[in-house]
């Protein structure tokens, strides 16, 4: 069960606000071991600030997701699979995915929760992005239903089909599981008759 501070940490999308919430949780002395792992994952995810870390942070998890998005049709193109696997594995190594998930069950669970956060943030960004929800060079907006269908397809093709096509199911297992959880949470009720 999360404390109110940690619950807020997983709802927040701004990296610096997340860091402040995490520091507040550490200062209050709650879940010291888990918060040490959260801090390590935060550093891996946002550690390289775009301006020296003062105001903005690059989201390395989102960079992985965008790489997956870029290569999601790799299995349909000649010679693209090898390149896609190489680029994705490079991101996974940078993020220490296998290293972190292999340390302990707690590391694995907290890395998984960070993946859930990533997919949730991605979905929120897509839902708000006008260019994502437009047709015909931005002149016509998609219906809300069509936009959600597009998002559903993007989640499935990026997090489920692509890892299978590239034979990276094991390496991307936590991200796939997280995408399925977020997908079910947001779309499962809509699909029931």
C-alpha atoms as a PDB file:
ATOM      1  CA  UNK A   1       0.000   0.000   0.000  1.00  0.00           C
ATOM      2  CA  UNK A   2       1.445   3.331  -1.045  1.00  0.00           C
ATOM      3  CA  UNK A   3       1.759   6.267   1.277  1.00  0.00           C
ATOM      4  CA  UNK A   4       0.068   9.486   0.077  1.00  0.00           C
ATOM      5  CA  UNK A   5       3.439  10.901  -1.021  1.00  0.00           C
ATOM      6  CA  UNK A   6       4.348   7.835  -3.082  1.00  0.00           C
ATOM      7  CA  UNK A   7       0.847   7.694  -4.570  1.00  0.00           C
ATOM      8  CA  UNK A   8       1.351  11.322  -5.677  1.00  0.00           C
ATOM      9  CA  UNK A   9       4.792  10.375  -7.015  1.00  0.00           C
ATOM     10  CA  UNK A  10       3.249   7.823  -9.375  1.00  0.00           C
ATOM     11  CA  UNK A  11       0.532  10.260 -10.500  1.00  0.00           C
ATOM     12  CA  UNK A  12       2.969  13.102 -11.280  1.00  0.00           C
ATOM     13  CA  UNK A  13       4.466  13.380 -14.766  1.00  0.00           C
ATOM     14  CA  UNK A  14       6.919  16.262 -14.276  1.00  0.00           C
ATOM     15  CA  UNK A  15      10.391  14.830 -13.491  1.00  0.00           C
ATOM     16  CA  UNK A  16      11.450  17.559 -11.070  1.00  0.00           C
ATOM     17  CA  UNK A  17       8.169  17.438  -9.161  1.00  0.00           C
ATOM     18  CA  UNK A  18       8.524  13.677  -8.966  1.00  0.00           C
ATOM     19  CA  UNK A  19      12.014  14.103  -7.564  1.00  0.00           C
ATOM     20  CA  UNK A  20      10.764  16.538  -4.911  1.00  0.00           C
ATOM     21  CA  UNK A  21       8.037  14.085  -3.900  1.00  0.00           C
ATOM     22  CA  UNK A  22      10.583  11.294  -3.676  1.00  0.00           C
ATOM     23  CA  UNK A  23      12.922  13.459  -1.586  1.00  0.00           C
ATOM     24  CA  UNK A  24       9.989  14.309   0.676  1.00  0.00           C
ATOM     25  CA  UNK A  25       9.234  10.593   1.110  1.00  0.00           C
ATOM     26  CA  UNK A  26      12.900   9.883   1.900  1.00  0.00           C
ATOM     27  CA  UNK A  27      13.049  12.761   4.398  1.00  0.00           C
ATOM     28  CA  UNK A  28       9.953  11.477   6.177  1.00  0.00           C
ATOM     29  CA  UNK A  29      11.670   8.110   6.611  1.00  0.00           C
ATOM     30  CA  UNK A  30       9.013   6.045   4.889  1.00  0.00           C
ATOM     31  CA  UNK A  31       9.936   2.885   2.934  1.00  0.00           C
ATOM     32  CA  UNK A  32      13.668   3.636   3.012  1.00  0.00           C
ATOM     33  CA  UNK A  33      14.730   0.555   1.028  1.00  0.00           C
ATOM     34  CA  UNK A  34      12.051   1.005  -1.637  1.00  0.00           C
ATOM     35  CA  UNK A  35      12.753   4.726  -1.901  1.00  0.00           C
ATOM     36  CA  UNK A  36      16.453   4.030  -2.441  1.00  0.00           C
ATOM     37  CA  UNK A  37      15.472   1.829  -5.393  1.00  0.00           C
ATOM     38  CA  UNK A  38      13.008   4.468  -6.626  1.00  0.00           C
ATOM     39  CA  UNK A  39      15.791   7.056  -6.490  1.00  0.00           C
ATOM     40  CA  UNK A  40      18.073   4.790  -8.534  1.00  0.00           C
ATOM     41  CA  UNK A  41      15.335   4.236 -11.123  1.00  0.00           C
ATOM     42  CA  UNK A  42      14.587   7.986 -11.182  1.00  0.00           C
ATOM     43  CA  UNK A  43      18.274   8.715 -11.864  1.00  0.00           C
ATOM     44  CA  UNK A  44      18.302   6.139 -14.649  1.00  0.00           C
ATOM     45  CA  UNK A  45      15.135   7.527 -16.163  1.00  0.00           C
ATOM     46  CA  UNK A  46      15.854  11.269 -15.859  1.00  0.00           C
ATOM     47  CA  UNK A  47      19.535  11.438 -14.889  1.00  0.00           C
ATOM     48  CA  UNK A  48      20.727  13.308 -17.952  1.00  0.00           C
ATOM     49  CA  UNK A  49      19.252  16.791 -17.732  1.00  0.00           C
ATOM     50  CA  UNK A  50      19.032  18.683 -20.997  1.00  0.00           C
ATOM     51  CA  UNK A  51      20.424  21.832 -19.366  1.00  0.00           C
ATOM     52  CA  UNK A  52      22.653  20.396 -16.679  1.00  0.00           C
ATOM     53  CA  UNK A  53      19.680  19.269 -14.615  1.00  0.00           C
ATOM     54  CA  UNK A  54      18.510  22.700 -13.506  1.00  0.00           C
ATOM     55  CA  UNK A  55      15.053  22.833 -15.040  1.00  0.00           C
ATOM     56  CA  UNK A  56      14.372  20.139 -17.624  1.00  0.00           C
ATOM     57  CA  UNK A  57      15.092  16.450 -17.742  1.00  0.00           C
ATOM     58  CA  UNK A  58      15.218  14.104 -20.687  1.00  0.00           C
ATOM     59  CA  UNK A  59      12.998  11.076 -20.087  1.00  0.00           C
ATOM     60  CA  UNK A  60      15.118   8.081 -21.076  1.00  0.00           C
ATOM     61  CA  UNK A  61      12.155   5.717 -20.633  1.00  0.00           C
ATOM     62  CA  UNK A  62      10.154   7.814 -23.093  1.00  0.00           C
ATOM     63  CA  UNK A  63      13.148   7.687 -25.461  1.00  0.00           C
ATOM     64  CA  UNK A  64      12.919   3.889 -25.320  1.00  0.00           C
ATOM     65  CA  UNK A  65       9.180   4.067 -26.043  1.00  0.00           C
ATOM     66  CA  UNK A  66       9.761   6.407 -29.004  1.00  0.00           C
ATOM     67  CA  UNK A  67      12.392   4.004 -30.346  1.00  0.00           C
ATOM     68  CA  UNK A  68       9.845   1.209 -30.098  1.00  0.00           C
ATOM     69  CA  UNK A  69       7.286   3.411 -31.860  1.00  0.00           C
ATOM     70  CA  UNK A  70       9.768   4.208 -34.628  1.00  0.00           C
ATOM     71  CA  UNK A  71      10.515   0.536 -35.230  1.00  0.00           C
ATOM     72  CA  UNK A  72       7.059  -0.949 -34.712  1.00  0.00           C
ATOM     73  CA  UNK A  73       6.788  -1.941 -38.385  1.00  0.00           C
ATOM     74  CA  UNK A  74      10.324  -3.346 -38.541  1.00  0.00           C
ATOM     75  CA  UNK A  75       9.073  -6.864 -39.209  1.00  0.00           C
ATOM     76  CA  UNK A  76       7.472  -5.609 -42.437  1.00  0.00           C
ATOM     77  CA  UNK A  77      10.669  -4.102 -43.859  1.00  0.00           C
ATOM     78  CA  UNK A  78      13.686  -5.866 -45.251  1.00  0.00           C
ATOM     79  CA  UNK A  79      16.801  -5.658 -43.100  1.00  0.00           C
ATOM     80  CA  UNK A  80      15.052  -3.556 -40.460  1.00  0.00           C
ATOM     81  CA  UNK A  81      14.776  -6.202 -37.747  1.00  0.00           C
ATOM     82  CA  UNK A  82      18.492  -6.337 -36.964  1.00  0.00           C
ATOM     83  CA  UNK A  83      18.774  -2.559 -36.744  1.00  0.00           C
ATOM     84  CA  UNK A  84      15.639  -2.289 -34.582  1.00  0.00           C
ATOM     85  CA  UNK A  85      16.883  -4.963 -32.163  1.00  0.00           C
ATOM     86  CA  UNK A  86      20.259  -3.231 -31.893  1.00  0.00           C
ATOM     87  CA  UNK A  87      18.757   0.195 -31.139  1.00  0.00           C
ATOM     88  CA  UNK A  88      16.245  -1.172 -28.630  1.00  0.00           C
ATOM     89  CA  UNK A  89      18.906  -3.222 -26.837  1.00  0.00           C
ATOM     90  CA  UNK A  90      21.107  -0.106 -26.657  1.00  0.00           C
ATOM     91  CA  UNK A  91      18.297   1.750 -24.860  1.00  0.00           C
ATOM     92  CA  UNK A  92      17.631  -1.173 -22.534  1.00  0.00           C
ATOM     93  CA  UNK A  93      21.318  -1.278 -21.578  1.00  0.00           C
ATOM     94  CA  UNK A  94      21.363   2.484 -20.976  1.00  0.00           C
ATOM     95  CA  UNK A  95      18.331   2.095 -18.716  1.00  0.00           C
ATOM     96  CA  UNK A  96      19.874  -0.939 -16.976  1.00  0.00           C
ATOM     97  CA  UNK A  97      16.606  -2.810 -17.485  1.00  0.00           C
ATOM     98  CA  UNK A  98      17.984  -6.339 -17.162  1.00  0.00           C
ATOM     99  CA  UNK A  99      20.375  -5.353 -14.380  1.00  0.00           C
ATOM    100  CA  UNK A 100      17.677  -3.679 -12.283  1.00  0.00           C
ATOM    101  CA  UNK A 101      15.014  -6.324 -12.850  1.00  0.00           C
ATOM    102  CA  UNK A 102      17.484  -9.068 -11.961  1.00  0.00           C
ATOM    103  CA  UNK A 103      18.631  -7.647  -8.623  1.00  0.00           C
ATOM    104  CA  UNK A 104      15.605  -8.494  -6.490  1.00  0.00           C
ATOM    105  CA  UNK A 105      11.865  -8.911  -6.621  1.00  0.00           C
ATOM    106  CA  UNK A 106      11.501  -5.393  -5.161  1.00  0.00           C
ATOM    107  CA  UNK A 107      13.674  -3.916  -7.939  1.00  0.00           C
ATOM    108  CA  UNK A 108      11.618  -5.768 -10.515  1.00  0.00           C
ATOM    109  CA  UNK A 109       8.317  -4.583  -9.028  1.00  0.00           C
ATOM    110  CA  UNK A 110       9.420  -0.935  -8.803  1.00  0.00           C
ATOM    111  CA  UNK A 111      10.816  -1.024 -12.350  1.00  0.00           C
ATOM    112  CA  UNK A 112       7.477  -2.441 -13.463  1.00  0.00           C
ATOM    113  CA  UNK A 113       5.626   0.384 -11.681  1.00  0.00           C
ATOM    114  CA  UNK A 114       7.840   2.886 -13.488  1.00  0.00           C
ATOM    115  CA  UNK A 115       6.906   1.214 -16.783  1.00  0.00           C
ATOM    116  CA  UNK A 116       3.215   1.554 -15.873  1.00  0.00           C
ATOM    117  CA  UNK A 117       3.892   5.236 -15.185  1.00  0.00           C
ATOM    118  CA  UNK A 118       5.607   5.582 -18.577  1.00  0.00           C
ATOM    119  CA  UNK A 119       2.701   4.060 -20.509  1.00  0.00           C
ATOM    120  CA  UNK A 120       0.204   6.170 -18.552  1.00  0.00           C
ATOM    121  CA  UNK A 121       2.155   9.362 -19.318  1.00  0.00           C
ATOM    122  CA  UNK A 122       2.400   8.367 -22.986  1.00  0.00           C
ATOM    123  CA  UNK A 123      -1.359   7.847 -23.190  1.00  0.00           C
ATOM    124  CA  UNK A 124      -2.049  11.184 -21.515  1.00  0.00           C
ATOM    125  CA  UNK A 125       0.288  12.955 -23.931  1.00  0.00           C
ATOM    126  CA  UNK A 126      -1.378  11.328 -26.940  1.00  0.00           C
ATOM    127  CA  UNK A 127      -4.847  12.227 -25.735  1.00  0.00           C
ATOM    128  CA  UNK A 128      -3.846  15.884 -25.303  1.00  0.00           C
ATOM    129  CA  UNK A 129      -1.711  16.206 -28.453  1.00  0.00           C
ATOM    130  CA  UNK A 130      -3.574  17.928 -31.249  1.00  0.00           C
ATOM    131  CA  UNK A 131      -1.300  16.590 -33.980  1.00  0.00           C
ATOM    132  CA  UNK A 132      -1.816  13.007 -32.766  1.00  0.00           C
ATOM    133  CA  UNK A 133      -5.562  13.464 -33.018  1.00  0.00           C
ATOM    134  CA  UNK A 134      -5.708  15.154 -36.434  1.00  0.00           C
ATOM    135  CA  UNK A 135      -6.265  13.997 -39.994  1.00  0.00           C
ATOM    136  CA  UNK A 136      -5.470  15.669 -43.291  1.00  0.00           C
ATOM    137  CA  UNK A 137      -2.406  17.673 -42.255  1.00  0.00           C
ATOM    138  CA  UNK A 138      -4.039  19.002 -39.121  1.00  0.00           C
ATOM    139  CA  UNK A 139      -7.101  20.399 -40.839  1.00  0.00           C
ATOM    140  CA  UNK A 140      -9.620  17.874 -39.513  1.00  0.00           C
ATOM    141  CA  UNK A 141      -9.749  16.482 -35.983  1.00  0.00           C
ATOM    142  CA  UNK A 142     -10.462  12.826 -35.319  1.00  0.00           C
ATOM    143  CA  UNK A 143     -13.493  11.884 -33.337  1.00  0.00           C
ATOM    144  CA  UNK A 144     -12.767  10.969 -29.748  1.00  0.00           C
ATOM    145  CA  UNK A 145     -13.715   7.366 -30.527  1.00  0.00           C
ATOM    146  CA  UNK A 146     -11.343   7.176 -33.521  1.00  0.00           C
ATOM    147  CA  UNK A 147      -8.558   8.765 -31.478  1.00  0.00           C
ATOM    148  CA  UNK A 148      -8.962   6.139 -28.739  1.00  0.00           C
ATOM    149  CA  UNK A 149      -8.949   3.365 -31.362  1.00  0.00           C
ATOM    150  CA  UNK A 150      -5.697   4.747 -32.742  1.00  0.00           C
ATOM    151  CA  UNK A 151      -4.201   4.817 -29.252  1.00  0.00           C
ATOM    152  CA  UNK A 152      -5.325   1.241 -28.611  1.00  0.00           C
ATOM    153  CA  UNK A 153      -3.667   0.084 -31.819  1.00  0.00           C
ATOM    154  CA  UNK A 154      -0.475   2.006 -31.019  1.00  0.00           C
ATOM    155  CA  UNK A 155      -0.207   0.392 -27.578  1.00  0.00           C
ATOM    156  CA  UNK A 156      -0.780  -3.095 -28.959  1.00  0.00           C
ATOM    157  CA  UNK A 157       1.585  -2.777 -31.899  1.00  0.00           C
ATOM    158  CA  UNK A 158       4.351  -1.048 -29.930  1.00  0.00           C
ATOM    159  CA  UNK A 159       4.359  -2.987 -26.668  1.00  0.00           C
ATOM    160  CA  UNK A 160       2.978  -6.394 -27.631  1.00  0.00           C
ATOM    161  CA  UNK A 161       3.446  -7.185 -31.322  1.00  0.00           C
ATOM    162  CA  UNK A 162       6.853  -5.554 -31.826  1.00  0.00           C
ATOM    163  CA  UNK A 163       8.649  -7.378 -28.967  1.00  0.00           C
ATOM    164  CA  UNK A 164       7.286 -10.668 -30.316  1.00  0.00           C
ATOM    165  CA  UNK A 165       8.313  -9.848 -33.887  1.00  0.00           C
ATOM    166  CA  UNK A 166      11.847  -8.910 -32.778  1.00  0.00           C
ATOM    167  CA  UNK A 167      12.090 -11.830 -30.335  1.00  0.00           C
ATOM    168  CA  UNK A 168      12.606  -9.409 -27.445  1.00  0.00           C
ATOM    169  CA  UNK A 169       9.725 -10.675 -25.295  1.00  0.00           C
ATOM    170  CA  UNK A 170      11.972 -11.455 -22.332  1.00  0.00           C
ATOM    171  CA  UNK A 171      13.895  -8.167 -22.495  1.00  0.00           C
ATOM    172  CA  UNK A 172      10.712  -6.087 -22.813  1.00  0.00           C
ATOM    173  CA  UNK A 173       8.561  -8.264 -20.569  1.00  0.00           C
ATOM    174  CA  UNK A 174       7.968  -5.588 -17.900  1.00  0.00           C
ATOM    175  CA  UNK A 175       7.081  -2.929 -20.459  1.00  0.00           C
ATOM    176  CA  UNK A 176       4.696  -5.275 -22.260  1.00  0.00           C
ATOM    177  CA  UNK A 177       3.052  -6.275 -18.982  1.00  0.00           C
ATOM    178  CA  UNK A 178       2.721  -2.595 -18.008  1.00  0.00           C
ATOM    179  CA  UNK A 179       1.186  -1.689 -21.369  1.00  0.00           C
ATOM    180  CA  UNK A 180      -1.327  -4.523 -21.028  1.00  0.00           C
ATOM    181  CA  UNK A 181      -2.276  -3.342 -17.529  1.00  0.00           C
ATOM    182  CA  UNK A 182      -2.764   0.264 -18.635  1.00  0.00           C
ATOM    183  CA  UNK A 183      -4.614  -0.908 -21.739  1.00  0.00           C
ATOM    184  CA  UNK A 184      -6.980  -3.042 -19.649  1.00  0.00           C
ATOM    185  CA  UNK A 185      -7.512  -0.255 -17.153  1.00  0.00           C
ATOM    186  CA  UNK A 186      -8.420   2.220 -19.886  1.00  0.00           C
ATOM    187  CA  UNK A 187     -10.054   0.147 -22.613  1.00  0.00           C
ATOM    188  CA  UNK A 188     -11.283  -3.183 -21.238  1.00  0.00           C
ATOM    189  CA  UNK A 189     -14.596  -1.780 -20.011  1.00  0.00           C
ATOM    190  CA  UNK A 190     -15.269  -0.215 -23.403  1.00  0.00           C
ATOM    191  CA  UNK A 191     -14.873  -3.561 -25.192  1.00  0.00           C
ATOM    192  CA  UNK A 192     -17.282  -5.520 -22.985  1.00  0.00           C
ATOM    193  CA  UNK A 193     -20.742  -6.030 -24.561  1.00  0.00           C
END
